[in-house]
PDB file of N, CA and C in Angstrom:
ATOM      1  N   THR A   1      74.751  92.221  71.782  1.00  0.00           N
ATOM      2  CA  THR A   1      75.412  91.720  70.074  1.00  0.00           C
ATOM      3  C   THR A   1      75.932  90.314  70.177  1.00  0.00           C
ATOM      4  N   ASP A   2      75.938  89.853  69.230  1.00  0.00           N
ATOM      5  CA  ASP A   2      76.749  88.404  68.827  1.00  0.00           C
ATOM      6  C   ASP A   2      78.339  88.598  69.352  1.00  0.00           C
ATOM      7  N   LYS A   3      78.762  87.778  69.374  1.00  0.00           N
ATOM      8  CA  LYS A   3      80.499  87.117  69.594  1.00  0.00           C
ATOM      9  C   LYS A   3      81.194  88.107  68.720  1.00  0.00           C
ATOM     10  N   ILE A   4      81.730  88.975  68.928  1.00  0.00           N
ATOM     11  CA  ILE A   4      82.802  89.703  68.119  1.00  0.00           C
ATOM     12  C   ILE A   4      83.968  89.205  67.858  1.00  0.00           C
ATOM     13  N   MET A   5      84.556  89.354  66.506  1.00  0.00           N
ATOM     14  CA  MET A   5      86.240  88.957  66.415  1.00  0.00           C
ATOM     15  C   MET A   5      86.820  89.767  66.403  1.00  0.00           C
ATOM     16  N   PRO A   6      88.285  88.793  67.046  1.00  0.00           N
ATOM     17  CA  PRO A   6      89.016  89.606  67.841  1.00  0.00           C
ATOM     18  C   PRO A   6      89.361  91.033  66.509  1.00  0.00           C
ATOM     19  N   ASP A   7      89.167  91.145  65.471  1.00  0.00           N
ATOM     20  CA  ASP A   7      89.840  92.373  64.500  1.00  0.00           C
ATOM     21  C   ASP A   7      88.770  93.127  64.298  1.00  0.00           C
ATOM     22  N   GLU A   8      87.690  93.039  64.995  1.00  0.00           N
ATOM     23  CA  GLU A   8      86.426  94.123  64.559  1.00  0.00           C
ATOM     24  C   GLU A   8      85.819  94.870  66.221  1.00  0.00           C
ATOM     25  N   VAL A   9      87.419  93.974  67.233  1.00  0.00           N
ATOM     26  CA  VAL A   9      86.979  95.062  68.723  1.00  0.00           C
ATOM     27  C   VAL A   9      87.321  96.646  68.277  1.00  0.00           C
ATOM     28  N   TYR A  10      88.342  96.673  67.902  1.00  0.00           N
ATOM     29  CA  TYR A  10      88.455  97.943  67.674  1.00  0.00           C
ATOM     30  C   TYR A  10      87.427  99.072  67.359  1.00  0.00           C
ATOM     31  N   GLY A  11      87.332  98.886  66.464  1.00  0.00           N
ATOM     32  CA  GLY A  11      85.561  99.166  65.290  1.00  0.00           C
ATOM     33  C   GLY A  11      84.637  99.527  66.621  1.00  0.00           C
ATOM     34  N   TYR A  12      84.419  98.419  67.451  1.00  0.00           N
ATOM     35  CA  TYR A  12      83.180  98.458  68.141  1.00  0.00           C
ATOM     36  C   TYR A  12      83.919  99.655  69.362  1.00  0.00           C
ATOM     37  N   LEU A  13      84.627  99.591  69.884  1.00  0.00           N
ATOM     38  CA  LEU A  13      85.690 100.327  71.021  1.00  0.00           C
ATOM     39  C   LEU A  13      85.408 102.058  70.386  1.00  0.00           C
ATOM     40  N   HIS A  14      85.345 102.160  69.400  1.00  0.00           N
ATOM     41  CA  HIS A  14      85.920 103.236  68.856  1.00  0.00           C
ATOM     42  C   HIS A  14      84.609 104.102  68.876  1.00  0.00           C
ATOM     43  N   SER A  15      83.639 103.225  68.943  1.00  0.00           N
ATOM     44  CA  SER A  15      82.109 103.656  68.670  1.00  0.00           C
ATOM     45  C   SER A  15      81.654 104.078  69.805  1.00  0.00           C
ATOM     46  N   ALA A  16      81.826 103.590  70.897  1.00  0.00           N
ATOM     47  CA  ALA A  16      81.774 103.797  72.384  1.00  0.00           C
ATOM     48  C   ALA A  16      82.572 105.273  73.274  1.00  0.00           C
ATOM     49  N   ASP A  17      81.047 105.270  74.139  1.00  0.00           N
ATOM     50  CA  ASP A  17      81.936 107.195  74.747  1.00  0.00           C
ATOM     51  C   ASP A  17      82.185 106.330  76.285  1.00  0.00           C
ATOM     52  N   ILE A  18      81.885 105.389  76.604  1.00  0.00           N
ATOM     53  CA  ILE A  18      82.738 104.813  77.783  1.00  0.00           C
ATOM     54  C   ILE A  18      82.554 103.122  78.086  1.00  0.00           C
ATOM     55  N   GLY A  19      83.785 102.521  78.734  1.00  0.00           N
ATOM     56  CA  GLY A  19      84.031 101.310  78.797  1.00  0.00           C
ATOM     57  C   GLY A  19      83.661 100.720  80.227  1.00  0.00           C
ATOM     58  N   ILE A  20      82.964  99.611  80.712  1.00  0.00           N
ATOM     59  CA  ILE A  20      82.336  99.168  81.582  1.00  0.00           C
ATOM     60  C   ILE A  20      83.135  97.831  82.084  1.00  0.00           C
ATOM     61  N   VAL A  21      83.928  97.659  83.064  1.00  0.00           N
ATOM     62  CA  VAL A  21      84.004  96.890  83.805  1.00  0.00           C
ATOM     63  C   VAL A  21      83.803  96.427  84.745  1.00  0.00           C
ATOM     64  N   TYR A  22      83.015  95.406  84.696  1.00  0.00           N
ATOM     65  CA  TYR A  22      81.792  94.991  85.827  1.00  0.00           C
ATOM     66  C   TYR A  22      81.814  93.789  85.819  1.00  0.00           C
ATOM     67  N   TYR A  23      82.639  93.181  86.706  1.00  0.00           N
ATOM     68  CA  TYR A  23      83.060  91.657  87.138  1.00  0.00           C
ATOM     69  C   TYR A  23      81.931  92.132  88.338  1.00  0.00           C
ATOM     70  N   GLU A  24      81.999  90.478  89.080  1.00  0.00           N
ATOM     71  CA  GLU A  24      81.601  90.540  90.355  1.00  0.00           C
ATOM     72  C   GLU A  24      83.436  90.091  91.220  1.00  0.00           C
ATOM     73  N   ASN A  25      82.917  91.179  92.401  1.00  0.00           N
ATOM     74  CA  ASN A  25      84.313  90.749  93.180  1.00  0.00           C
ATOM     75  C   ASN A  25      84.813  89.903  93.628  1.00  0.00           C
ATOM     76  N   SER A  26      85.333  88.968  93.402  1.00  0.00           N
ATOM     77  CA  SER A  26      85.255  88.044  93.803  1.00  0.00           C
ATOM     78  C   SER A  26      86.936  87.799  94.052  1.00  0.00           C
ATOM     79  N   PHE A  27      87.466  86.831  94.879  1.00  0.00           N
ATOM     80  CA  PHE A  27      88.901  86.416  94.519  1.00  0.00           C
ATOM     81  C   PHE A  27      89.650  86.662  93.645  1.00  0.00           C
ATOM     82  N   PHE A  28      88.677  85.239  92.317  1.00  0.00           N
ATOM     83  CA  PHE A  28      89.585  85.025  91.866  1.00  0.00           C
ATOM     84  C   PHE A  28      89.549  86.652  90.966  1.00  0.00           C
ATOM     85  N   ALA A  29      88.140  87.565  90.474  1.00  0.00           N
ATOM     86  CA  ALA A  29      88.811  88.712  90.004  1.00  0.00           C
ATOM     87  C   ALA A  29      89.191  89.789  90.287  1.00  0.00           C
ATOM     88  N   ASN A  30      89.913  89.937  92.089  1.00  0.00           N
ATOM     89  CA  ASN A  30      89.717  90.964  92.653  1.00  0.00           C
ATOM     90  C   ASN A  30      91.714  90.543  92.032  1.00  0.00           C
ATOM     91  N   ASN A  31      92.257  89.915  91.989  1.00  0.00           N
ATOM     92  CA  ASN A  31      93.704  89.245  91.769  1.00  0.00           C
ATOM     93  C   ASN A  31      94.252  88.469  90.600  1.00  0.00           C
ATOM     94  N   SER A  32      92.947  89.201  89.790  1.00  0.00           N
ATOM     95  CA  SER A  32      93.645  89.444  87.815  1.00  0.00           C
ATOM     96  C   SER A  32      92.798  90.295  87.377  1.00  0.00           C
ATOM     97  N   LEU A  33      93.974  90.378  86.042  1.00  0.00           N
ATOM     98  CA  LEU A  33      93.545  91.965  85.460  1.00  0.00           C
ATOM     99  C   LEU A  33      92.660  91.796  83.921  1.00  0.00           C
ATOM    100  N   SER A  34      92.107  92.566  83.685  1.00  0.00           N
ATOM    101  CA  SER A  34      91.392  91.991  82.095  1.00  0.00           C
ATOM    102  C   SER A  34      92.094  92.680  81.635  1.00  0.00           C
ATOM    103  N   ASN A  35      92.044  92.307  80.586  1.00  0.00           N
ATOM    104  CA  ASN A  35      92.505  92.741  79.170  1.00  0.00           C
ATOM    105  C   ASN A  35      91.073  93.677  78.824  1.00  0.00           C
ATOM    106  N   LYS A  36      90.098  93.863  78.882  1.00  0.00           N
ATOM    107  CA  LYS A  36      89.511  95.233  78.738  1.00  0.00           C
ATOM    108  C   LYS A  36      89.956  96.329  79.085  1.00  0.00           C
ATOM    109  N   ILE A  37      90.622  96.156  80.082  1.00  0.00           N
ATOM    110  CA  ILE A  37      91.263  97.558  81.158  1.00  0.00           C
ATOM    111  C   ILE A  37      92.364  98.149  79.750  1.00  0.00           C
ATOM    112  N   PHE A  38      92.862  97.068  79.066  1.00  0.00           N
ATOM    113  CA  PHE A  38      94.053  97.891  77.811  1.00  0.00           C
ATOM    114  C   PHE A  38      93.491  98.010  76.204  1.00  0.00           C
ATOM    115  N   ASP A  39      92.352  97.495  76.414  1.00  0.00           N
ATOM    116  CA  ASP A  39      91.850  97.476  74.849  1.00  0.00           C
ATOM    117  C   ASP A  39      91.055  99.250  75.365  1.00  0.00           C
ATOM    118  N   TYR A  40      90.137  99.112  76.275  1.00  0.00           N
ATOM    119  CA  TYR A  40      89.363 100.594  76.346  1.00  0.00           C
ATOM    120  C   TYR A  40      90.782 102.044  76.173  1.00  0.00           C
ATOM    121  N   MET A  41      92.045 101.519  77.397  1.00  0.00           N
ATOM    122  CA  MET A  41      93.017 102.121  77.246  1.00  0.00           C
ATOM    123  C   MET A  41      93.564 102.520  75.872  1.00  0.00           C
ATOM    124  N   MET A  42      94.161 101.864  74.758  1.00  0.00           N
ATOM    125  CA  MET A  42      94.354 101.939  73.628  1.00  0.00           C
ATOM    126  C   MET A  42      93.796 102.734  72.709  1.00  0.00           C
ATOM    127  N   ALA A  43      91.777 102.045  72.972  1.00  0.00           N
ATOM    128  CA  ALA A  43      90.878 103.134  72.064  1.00  0.00           C
ATOM    129  C   ALA A  43      90.822 104.596  73.100  1.00  0.00           C
ATOM    130  N   GLY A  44      91.283 104.876  74.043  1.00  0.00           N
ATOM    131  CA  GLY A  44      90.983 105.783  74.807  1.00  0.00           C
ATOM    132  C   GLY A  44      89.581 106.622  75.689  1.00  0.00           C
ATOM    133  N   LEU A  45      89.391 105.205  76.044  1.00  0.00           N
ATOM    134  CA  LEU A  45      87.663 105.503  76.505  1.00  0.00           C
ATOM    135  C   LEU A  45      88.073 105.599  77.933  1.00  0.00           C
ATOM    136  N   PRO A  46      87.158 106.337  78.274  1.00  0.00           N
ATOM    137  CA  PRO A  46      86.711 106.401  79.787  1.00  0.00           C
ATOM    138  C   PRO A  46      86.395 105.180  80.123  1.00  0.00           C
ATOM    139  N   THR A  47      86.614 104.995  81.532  1.00  0.00           N
ATOM    140  CA  THR A  47      86.299 103.637  81.894  1.00  0.00           C
ATOM    141  C   THR A  47      85.682 103.795  83.338  1.00  0.00           C
ATOM    142  N   ILE A  48      84.500 103.053  83.383  1.00  0.00           N
ATOM    143  CA  ILE A  48      83.849 102.578  85.243  1.00  0.00           C
ATOM    144  C   ILE A  48      84.067 101.540  84.743  1.00  0.00           C
ATOM    145  N   ALA A  49      84.460 100.860  86.489  1.00  0.00           N
ATOM    146  CA  ALA A  49      85.057  99.535  86.794  1.00  0.00           C
ATOM    147  C   ALA A  49      84.608  99.573  88.528  1.00  0.00           C
ATOM    148  N   ILE A  50      84.453  97.902  88.434  1.00  0.00           N
ATOM    149  CA  ILE A  50      84.625  97.649  90.192  1.00  0.00           C
ATOM    150  C   ILE A  50      86.059  97.330  90.523  1.00  0.00           C
ATOM    151  N   ALA A  51      85.926  97.925  91.723  1.00  0.00           N
ATOM    152  CA  ALA A  51      86.800  98.538  92.127  1.00  0.00           C
ATOM    153  C   ALA A  51      87.993  96.910  92.801  1.00  0.00           C
ATOM    154  N   MET A  52      88.601  96.182  91.306  1.00  0.00           N
ATOM    155  CA  MET A  52      89.481  95.187  91.789  1.00  0.00           C
ATOM    156  C   MET A  52      90.661  95.914  92.619  1.00  0.00           C
ATOM    157  N   SER A  53      92.028  95.490  92.845  1.00  0.00           N
ATOM    158  CA  SER A  53      92.828  95.488  92.723  1.00  0.00           C
ATOM    159  C   SER A  53      93.663  95.997  91.468  1.00  0.00           C
ATOM    160  N   GLU A  54      93.974  95.400  91.325  1.00  0.00           N
ATOM    161  CA  GLU A  54      94.988  95.390  89.599  1.00  0.00           C
ATOM    162  C   GLU A  54      94.273  96.371  89.164  1.00  0.00           C
ATOM    163  N   THR A  55      92.786  96.112  88.671  1.00  0.00           N
ATOM    164  CA  THR A  55      91.957  97.381  87.913  1.00  0.00           C
ATOM    165  C   THR A  55      92.382  98.794  88.270  1.00  0.00           C
ATOM    166  N   LYS A  56      91.837  98.844  89.459  1.00  0.00           N
ATOM    167  CA  LYS A  56      91.939  99.713  90.464  1.00  0.00           C
ATOM    168  C   LYS A  56      93.298 100.527  90.043  1.00  0.00           C
ATOM    169  N   ARG A  57      94.095 100.075  90.452  1.00  0.00           N
ATOM    170  CA  ARG A  57      95.568 100.379  90.484  1.00  0.00           C
ATOM    171  C   ARG A  57      96.133 101.095  89.248  1.00  0.00           C
ATOM    172  N   ILE A  58      95.403 100.261  87.894  1.00  0.00           N
ATOM    173  CA  ILE A  58      95.756 100.454  86.527  1.00  0.00           C
ATOM    174  C   ILE A  58      94.941 102.198  86.171  1.00  0.00           C
ATOM    175  N   ILE A  59      93.861 101.661  86.275  1.00  0.00           N
ATOM    176  CA  ILE A  59      93.136 103.143  86.192  1.00  0.00           C
ATOM    177  C   ILE A  59      93.243 104.139  87.095  1.00  0.00           C
ATOM    178  N   GLU A  60      93.652 103.996  88.261  1.00  0.00           N
ATOM    179  CA  GLU A  60      93.952 105.623  88.726  1.00  0.00           C
ATOM    180  C   GLU A  60      95.361 105.861  88.287  1.00  0.00           C
ATOM    181  N   GLU A  61      96.321 105.071  88.266  1.00  0.00           N
ATOM    182  CA  GLU A  61      97.554 105.622  87.737  1.00  0.00           C
ATOM    183  C   GLU A  61      97.481 106.143  86.369  1.00  0.00           C
ATOM    184  N   VAL A  62      96.780 106.051  85.381  1.00  0.00           N
ATOM    185  CA  VAL A  62      96.815 106.672  84.499  1.00  0.00           C
ATOM    186  C   VAL A  62      95.712 107.120  84.271  1.00  0.00           C
ATOM    187  N   ASN A  63      94.436 107.522  85.108  1.00  0.00           N
ATOM    188  CA  ASN A  63      93.740 108.350  85.139  1.00  0.00           C
ATOM    189  C   ASN A  63      93.023 108.667  84.495  1.00  0.00           C
ATOM    190  N   PHE A  64      92.083 107.510  83.912  1.00  0.00           N
ATOM    191  CA  PHE A  64      91.294 107.144  82.361  1.00  0.00           C
ATOM    192  C   PHE A  64      89.945 107.034  83.218  1.00  0.00           C
ATOM    193  N   GLY A  65      89.467 106.773  84.339  1.00  0.00           N
ATOM    194  CA  GLY A  65      87.974 106.620  84.670  1.00  0.00           C
ATOM    195  C   GLY A  65      88.100 106.352  86.256  1.00  0.00           C
ATOM    196  N   LYS A  66      86.651 106.179  86.351  1.00  0.00           N
ATOM    197  CA  LYS A  66      86.393 105.997  87.947  1.00  0.00           C
ATOM    198  C   LYS A  66      85.848 104.304  88.607  1.00  0.00           C
ATOM    199  N   CYS A  67      86.557 104.121  89.795  1.00  0.00           N
ATOM    200  CA  CYS A  67      86.273 102.661  90.090  1.00  0.00           C
ATOM    201  C   CYS A  67      85.627 103.112  91.671  1.00  0.00           C
ATOM    202  N   TYR A  68      84.646 101.880  91.445  1.00  0.00           N
ATOM    203  CA  TYR A  68      83.747 101.903  92.914  1.00  0.00           C
ATOM    204  C   TYR A  68      83.643 100.182  93.307  1.00  0.00           C
ATOM    205  N   GLU A  69      83.167 100.398  94.952  1.00  0.00           N
ATOM    206  CA  GLU A  69      83.301  99.495  95.503  1.00  0.00           C
ATOM    207  C   GLU A  69      82.507  98.577  94.805  1.00  0.00           C
ATOM    208  N   GLU A  70      81.119  98.666  95.113  1.00  0.00           N
ATOM    209  CA  GLU A  70      80.177  98.031  94.912  1.00  0.00           C
ATOM    210  C   GLU A  70      78.830  98.838  93.476  1.00  0.00           C
ATOM    211  N   ILE A  71      78.492  98.767  92.834  1.00  0.00           N
ATOM    212  CA  ILE A  71      77.533  99.465  91.893  1.00  0.00           C
ATOM    213  C   ILE A  71      76.331  98.612  91.732  1.00  0.00           C
ATOM    214  N   GLU A  72      75.274  98.931  92.058  1.00  0.00           N
ATOM    215  CA  GLU A  72      73.934  98.774  91.696  1.00  0.00           C
ATOM    216  C   GLU A  72      73.324  98.998  90.113  1.00  0.00           C
ATOM    217  N   PRO A  73      73.007  98.294  89.505  1.00  0.00           N
ATOM    218  CA  PRO A  73      72.664  98.742  88.584  1.00  0.00           C
ATOM    219  C   PRO A  73      72.627 100.366  88.212  1.00  0.00           C
ATOM    220  N   ARG A  74      71.329 100.848  88.678  1.00  0.00           N
ATOM    221  CA  ARG A  74      70.521 101.916  88.852  1.00  0.00           C
ATOM    222  C   ARG A  74      71.797 103.389  88.740  1.00  0.00           C
ATOM    223  N   GLU A  75      72.826 102.425  90.127  1.00  0.00           N
ATOM    224  CA  GLU A  75      73.814 103.554  90.404  1.00  0.00           C
ATOM    225  C   GLU A  75      74.522 104.147  89.212  1.00  0.00           C
ATOM    226  N   LEU A  76      74.848 102.650  88.195  1.00  0.00           N
ATOM    227  CA  LEU A  76      75.913 102.531  87.515  1.00  0.00           C
ATOM    228  C   LEU A  76      75.233 103.285  86.230  1.00  0.00           C
ATOM    229  N   ALA A  77      73.807 103.374  86.035  1.00  0.00           N
ATOM    230  CA  ALA A  77      73.324 103.957  84.977  1.00  0.00           C
ATOM    231  C   ALA A  77      73.276 106.107  85.594  1.00  0.00           C
ATOM    232  N   MET A  78      73.568 105.825  86.535  1.00  0.00           N
ATOM    233  CA  MET A  78      73.538 107.792  86.724  1.00  0.00           C
ATOM    234  C   MET A  78      74.836 107.783  86.727  1.00  0.00           C
ATOM    235  N   LEU A  79      76.316 107.166  86.852  1.00  0.00           N
ATOM    236  CA  LEU A  79      77.301 107.312  86.919  1.00  0.00           C
ATOM    237  C   LEU A  79      77.767 107.484  85.399  1.00  0.00           C
ATOM    238  N   ILE A  80      77.531 106.205  84.203  1.00  0.00           N
ATOM    239  CA  ILE A  80      77.303 106.812  83.134  1.00  0.00           C
ATOM    240  C   ILE A  80      76.869 108.071  82.483  1.00  0.00           C
ATOM    241  N   ASN A  81      75.781 108.435  83.012  1.00  0.00           N
ATOM    242  CA  ASN A  81      75.188 109.338  82.711  1.00  0.00           C
ATOM    243  C   ASN A  81      76.254 110.880  83.175  1.00  0.00           C
ATOM    244  N   ARG A  82      76.184 110.941  84.347  1.00  0.00           N
ATOM    245  CA  ARG A  82      77.492 111.645  84.890  1.00  0.00           C
ATOM    246  C   ARG A  82      78.705 112.146  84.204  1.00  0.00           C
ATOM    247  N   MET A  83      79.418 110.585  83.940  1.00  0.00           N
ATOM    248  CA  MET A  83      80.559 111.056  83.299  1.00  0.00           C
ATOM    249  C   MET A  83      80.073 111.287  81.755  1.00  0.00           C
ATOM    250  N   ALA A  84      79.387 110.659  81.038  1.00  0.00           N
ATOM    251  CA  ALA A  84      78.839 110.990  79.888  1.00  0.00           C
ATOM    252  C   ALA A  84      78.845 112.413  79.186  1.00  0.00           C
ATOM    253  N   ASN A  85      78.261 113.364  81.025  1.00  0.00           N
ATOM    254  CA  ASN A  85      77.764 114.844  80.501  1.00  0.00           C
ATOM    255  C   ASN A  85      78.876 116.286  81.136  1.00  0.00           C
ATOM    256  N   ASP A  86      80.482 114.818  81.366  1.00  0.00           N
ATOM    257  CA  ASP A  86      81.112 116.060  81.475  1.00  0.00           C
ATOM    258  C   ASP A  86      82.129 115.900  80.699  1.00  0.00           C
ATOM    259  N   LYS A  87      81.733 116.621  79.830  1.00  0.00           N
ATOM    260  CA  LYS A  87      82.705 116.543  78.372  1.00  0.00           C
ATOM    261  C   LYS A  87      84.281 117.168  78.643  1.00  0.00           C
ATOM    262  N   ASN A  88      84.894 117.845  79.920  1.00  0.00           N
ATOM    263  CA  ASN A  88      86.348 118.254  79.983  1.00  0.00           C
ATOM    264  C   ASN A  88      86.670 116.718  80.758  1.00  0.00           C
ATOM    265  N   LEU A  89      85.886 116.016  81.870  1.00  0.00           N
ATOM    266  CA  LEU A  89      86.333 114.884  82.153  1.00  0.00           C
ATOM    267  C   LEU A  89      86.753 114.285  81.466  1.00  0.00           C
ATOM    268  N   LEU A  90      85.760 113.746  80.361  1.00  0.00           N
ATOM    269  CA  LEU A  90      85.757 112.642  79.237  1.00  0.00           C
ATOM    270  C   LEU A  90      87.308 112.828  78.586  1.00  0.00           C
ATOM    271  N   ASN A  91      87.218 114.224  78.198  1.00  0.00           N
ATOM    272  CA  ASN A  91      88.751 114.422  76.874  1.00  0.00           C
ATOM    273  C   ASN A  91      89.920 114.124  78.050  1.00  0.00           C
ATOM    274  N   ASN A  92      90.289 114.756  79.272  1.00  0.00           N
ATOM    275  CA  ASN A  92      91.374 114.433  79.814  1.00  0.00           C
ATOM    276  C   ASN A  92      91.410 113.038  80.340  1.00  0.00           C
ATOM    277  N   TYR A  93      89.892 112.103  80.377  1.00  0.00           N
ATOM    278  CA  TYR A  93      90.643 111.041  80.330  1.00  0.00           C
ATOM    279  C   TYR A  93      91.065 110.129  79.580  1.00  0.00           C
ATOM    280  N   ARG A  94      90.128 110.456  78.102  1.00  0.00           N
ATOM    281  CA  ARG A  94      90.841 109.696  76.450  1.00  0.00           C
ATOM    282  C   ARG A  94      92.321 110.283  76.563  1.00  0.00           C
ATOM    283  N   LYS A  95      92.583 111.520  76.508  1.00  0.00           N
ATOM    284  CA  LYS A  95      94.271 112.181  76.721  1.00  0.00           C
ATOM    285  C   LYS A  95      95.280 111.016  77.184  1.00  0.00           C
ATOM    286  N   ASN A  96      94.262 110.759  78.760  1.00  0.00           N
ATOM    287  CA  ASN A  96      95.384 109.983  79.971  1.00  0.00           C
ATOM    288  C   ASN A  96      95.613 108.587  78.919  1.00  0.00           C
ATOM    289  N   ALA A  97      94.043 107.967  78.560  1.00  0.00           N
ATOM    290  CA  ALA A  97      94.740 106.808  78.235  1.00  0.00           C
ATOM    291  C   ALA A  97      95.185 106.931  76.757  1.00  0.00           C
ATOM    292  N   ILE A  98      95.220 107.741  76.039  1.00  0.00           N
ATOM    293  CA  ILE A  98      96.059 106.968  74.527  1.00  0.00           C
ATOM    294  C   ILE A  98      97.404 107.373  75.079  1.00  0.00           C
ATOM    295  N   ASN A  99      97.986 108.381  75.935  1.00  0.00           N
ATOM    296  CA  ASN A  99      99.498 108.758  76.296  1.00  0.00           C
ATOM    297  C   ASN A  99      99.897 107.350  77.083  1.00  0.00           C
ATOM    298  N   PHE A 100      99.042 106.967  77.985  1.00  0.00           N
ATOM    299  CA  PHE A 100      99.825 105.713  78.715  1.00  0.00           C
ATOM    300  C   PHE A 100      99.774 104.649  77.923  1.00  0.00           C
ATOM    301  N   SER A 101      98.775 104.454  77.095  1.00  0.00           N
ATOM    302  CA  SER A 101      98.864 103.399  75.972  1.00  0.00           C
ATOM    303  C   SER A 101     100.014 102.981  74.509  1.00  0.00           C
ATOM    304  N   GLN A 102      99.912 104.410  74.843  1.00  0.00           N
ATOM    305  CA  GLN A 102     101.749 104.764  73.290  1.00  0.00           C
ATOM    306  C   GLN A 102     102.801 104.710  74.217  1.00  0.00           C
ATOM    307  N   ASN A 103     102.695 105.006  75.666  1.00  0.00           N
ATOM    308  CA  ASN A 103     103.857 105.825  76.490  1.00  0.00           C
ATOM    309  C   ASN A 103     104.370 104.744  77.304  1.00  0.00           C
ATOM    310  N   LYS A 104     104.026 103.468  77.586  1.00  0.00           N
ATOM    311  CA  LYS A 104     103.956 102.906  78.709  1.00  0.00           C
ATOM    312  C   LYS A 104     103.358 101.156  78.631  1.00  0.00           C
ATOM    313  N   TYR A 105     102.005 101.245  78.449  1.00  0.00           N
ATOM    314  CA  TYR A 105     101.386 100.128  78.144  1.00  0.00           C
ATOM    315  C   TYR A 105     100.885  99.716  76.810  1.00  0.00           C
ATOM    316  N   ASN A 106     102.225  98.893  76.609  1.00  0.00           N
ATOM    317  CA  ASN A 106     101.582  98.336  74.845  1.00  0.00           C
ATOM    318  C   ASN A 106     103.133  97.526  74.895  1.00  0.00           C
ATOM    319  N   TRP A 107     102.881  96.839  73.698  1.00  0.00           N
ATOM    320  CA  TRP A 107     103.173  95.741  73.663  1.00  0.00           C
ATOM    321  C   TRP A 107     104.782  95.728  73.157  1.00  0.00           C
ATOM    322  N   LYS A 108     105.018  96.924  72.641  1.00  0.00           N
ATOM    323  CA  LYS A 108     106.186  97.319  72.051  1.00  0.00           C
ATOM    324  C   LYS A 108     107.358  97.361  73.206  1.00  0.00           C
ATOM    325  N   LEU A 109     106.569  97.821  74.167  1.00  0.00           N
ATOM    326  CA  LEU A 109     107.455  98.165  75.641  1.00  0.00           C
ATOM    327  C   LEU A 109     107.951  97.025  76.788  1.00  0.00           C
ATOM    328  N   GLU A 110     106.506  96.285  76.581  1.00  0.00           N
ATOM    329  CA  GLU A 110     105.978  94.911  77.426  1.00  0.00           C
ATOM    330  C   GLU A 110     106.980  94.125  76.857  1.00  0.00           C
ATOM    331  N   SER A 111     107.363  94.105  75.213  1.00  0.00           N
ATOM    332  CA  SER A 111     107.890  92.780  74.785  1.00  0.00           C
ATOM    333  C   SER A 111     109.428  92.735  75.270  1.00  0.00           C
ATOM    334  N   LYS A 112     109.693  94.050  75.345  1.00  0.00           N
ATOM    335  CA  LYS A 112     111.413  94.179  75.756  1.00  0.00           C
ATOM    336  C   LYS A 112     111.733  93.013  77.139  1.00  0.00           C
ATOM    337  N   LYS A 113     110.589  93.434  78.056  1.00  0.00           N
ATOM    338  CA  LYS A 113     110.698  93.134  79.224  1.00  0.00           C
ATOM    339  C   LYS A 113     110.755  91.114  79.497  1.00  0.00           C
ATOM    340  N   LEU A 114     109.354  90.932  78.269  1.00  0.00           N
ATOM    341  CA  LEU A 114     109.350  89.267  78.390  1.00  0.00           C
ATOM    342  C   LEU A 114     110.461  88.972  78.006  1.00  0.00           C
ATOM    343  N   ILE A 115     111.339  89.423  76.694  1.00  0.00           N
ATOM    344  CA  ILE A 115     112.619  88.899  76.173  1.00  0.00           C
ATOM    345  C   ILE A 115     113.974  89.169  77.201  1.00  0.00           C
ATOM    346  N   ASN A 116     113.920  89.964  77.570  1.00  0.00           N
ATOM    347  CA  ASN A 116     114.713  89.940  78.902  1.00  0.00           C
ATOM    348  C   ASN A 116     114.330  88.793  79.877  1.00  0.00           C
ATOM    349  N   ALA A 117     113.556  88.980  80.635  1.00  0.00           N
ATOM    350  CA  ALA A 117     113.182  87.451  81.221  1.00  0.00           C
ATOM    351  C   ALA A 117     113.332  86.400  81.002  1.00  0.00           C
ATOM    352  N   ILE A 118     112.925  85.925  79.709  1.00  0.00           N
ATOM    353  CA  ILE A 118     113.616  84.825  78.838  1.00  0.00           C
ATOM    354  C   ILE A 118     114.691  84.681  78.960  1.00  0.00           C
ATOM    355  N   ASP A 119     115.966  86.027  78.362  1.00  0.00           N
ATOM    356  CA  ASP A 119     117.447  85.537  78.581  1.00  0.00           C
ATOM    357  C   ASP A 119     117.686  85.368  79.197  1.00  0.00           C
ATOM    358  N   MET A 120     117.432  85.839  80.635  1.00  0.00           N
ATOM    359  CA  MET A 120     117.768  85.389  81.796  1.00  0.00           C
ATOM    360  C   MET A 120     117.728  84.366  82.389  1.00  0.00           C
ATOM    361  N   ILE A 121     116.356  83.404  81.614  1.00  0.00           N
ATOM    362  CA  ILE A 121     116.076  82.254  81.982  1.00  0.00           C
ATOM    363  C   ILE A 121     117.017  81.424  81.595  1.00  0.00           C
ATOM    364  N   THR A 122     117.620  81.574  80.024  1.00  0.00           N
ATOM    365  CA  THR A 122     118.240  80.757  79.185  1.00  0.00           C
ATOM    366  C   THR A 122     119.473  81.197  79.080  1.00  0.00           C
ATOM    367  N   THR A 123     120.206  82.381  79.822  1.00  0.00           N
ATOM    368  CA  THR A 123     121.817  82.506  79.955  1.00  0.00           C
ATOM    369  C   THR A 123     121.960  82.054  81.790  1.00  0.00           C
ATOM    370  N   VAL A 124     121.397  81.714  82.249  1.00  0.00           N
ATOM    371  CA  VAL A 124     121.559  81.564  83.694  1.00  0.00           C
ATOM    372  C   VAL A 124     121.960  79.831  84.073  1.00  0.00           C
ATOM    373  N   PRO A 125     122.876  79.484  84.238  1.00  0.00           N
ATOM    374  CA  PRO A 125     122.771  78.212  84.475  1.00  0.00           C
ATOM    375  C   PRO A 125     122.113  77.425  85.666  1.00  0.00           C
ATOM    376  N   LEU A 126     121.460  76.300  85.279  1.00  0.00           N
ATOM    377  CA  LEU A 126     120.330  76.056  86.193  1.00  0.00           C
ATOM    378  C   LEU A 126     121.336  75.235  87.270  1.00  0.00           C
ATOM    379  N   LYS A 127     121.364  75.424  89.069  1.00  0.00           N
ATOM    380  CA  LYS A 127     121.650  74.572  89.726  1.00  0.00           C
ATOM    381  C   LYS A 127     120.536  73.401  90.075  1.00  0.00           C
ATOM    382  N   VAL A 128     120.976  72.138  89.995  1.00  0.00           N
ATOM    383  CA  VAL A 128     120.070  70.757  90.222  1.00  0.00           C
ATOM    384  C   VAL A 128     121.334  69.785  91.269  1.00  0.00           C
ATOM    385  N   GLU A 129     120.350  69.938  92.371  1.00  0.00           N
ATOM    386  CA  GLU A 129     120.621  69.884  93.153  1.00  0.00           C
ATOM    387  C   GLU A 129     119.858  68.108  93.991  1.00  0.00           C
TER     388      GLU A 129
END
């Protein structure tokens, strides 16, 4: 598909069955966290991902998918088919993803952390030496 406008993303995600995070496991990718993870979580999408450190941590904490060290395209296709055919697993992953996105990983809660951090910075006098 061509580029998708931000306000159209969730329509596409809600029509999907499984989310895929398939980046080359490089130093940069391994030490970052894709927004896709949170988009998939909010859409209740079970996810298959390359086991990059933060991605793996979030997926395992929430338990809404599986991480693999390296996946060849043929292997990825088999994993997608296996997951898609396990309706109980898919339903559990969906429930976990939606629950966490509503109760832990969401802007309403994260914004409070940001505001608190800004308040700490702006209320603590700086020492200049």
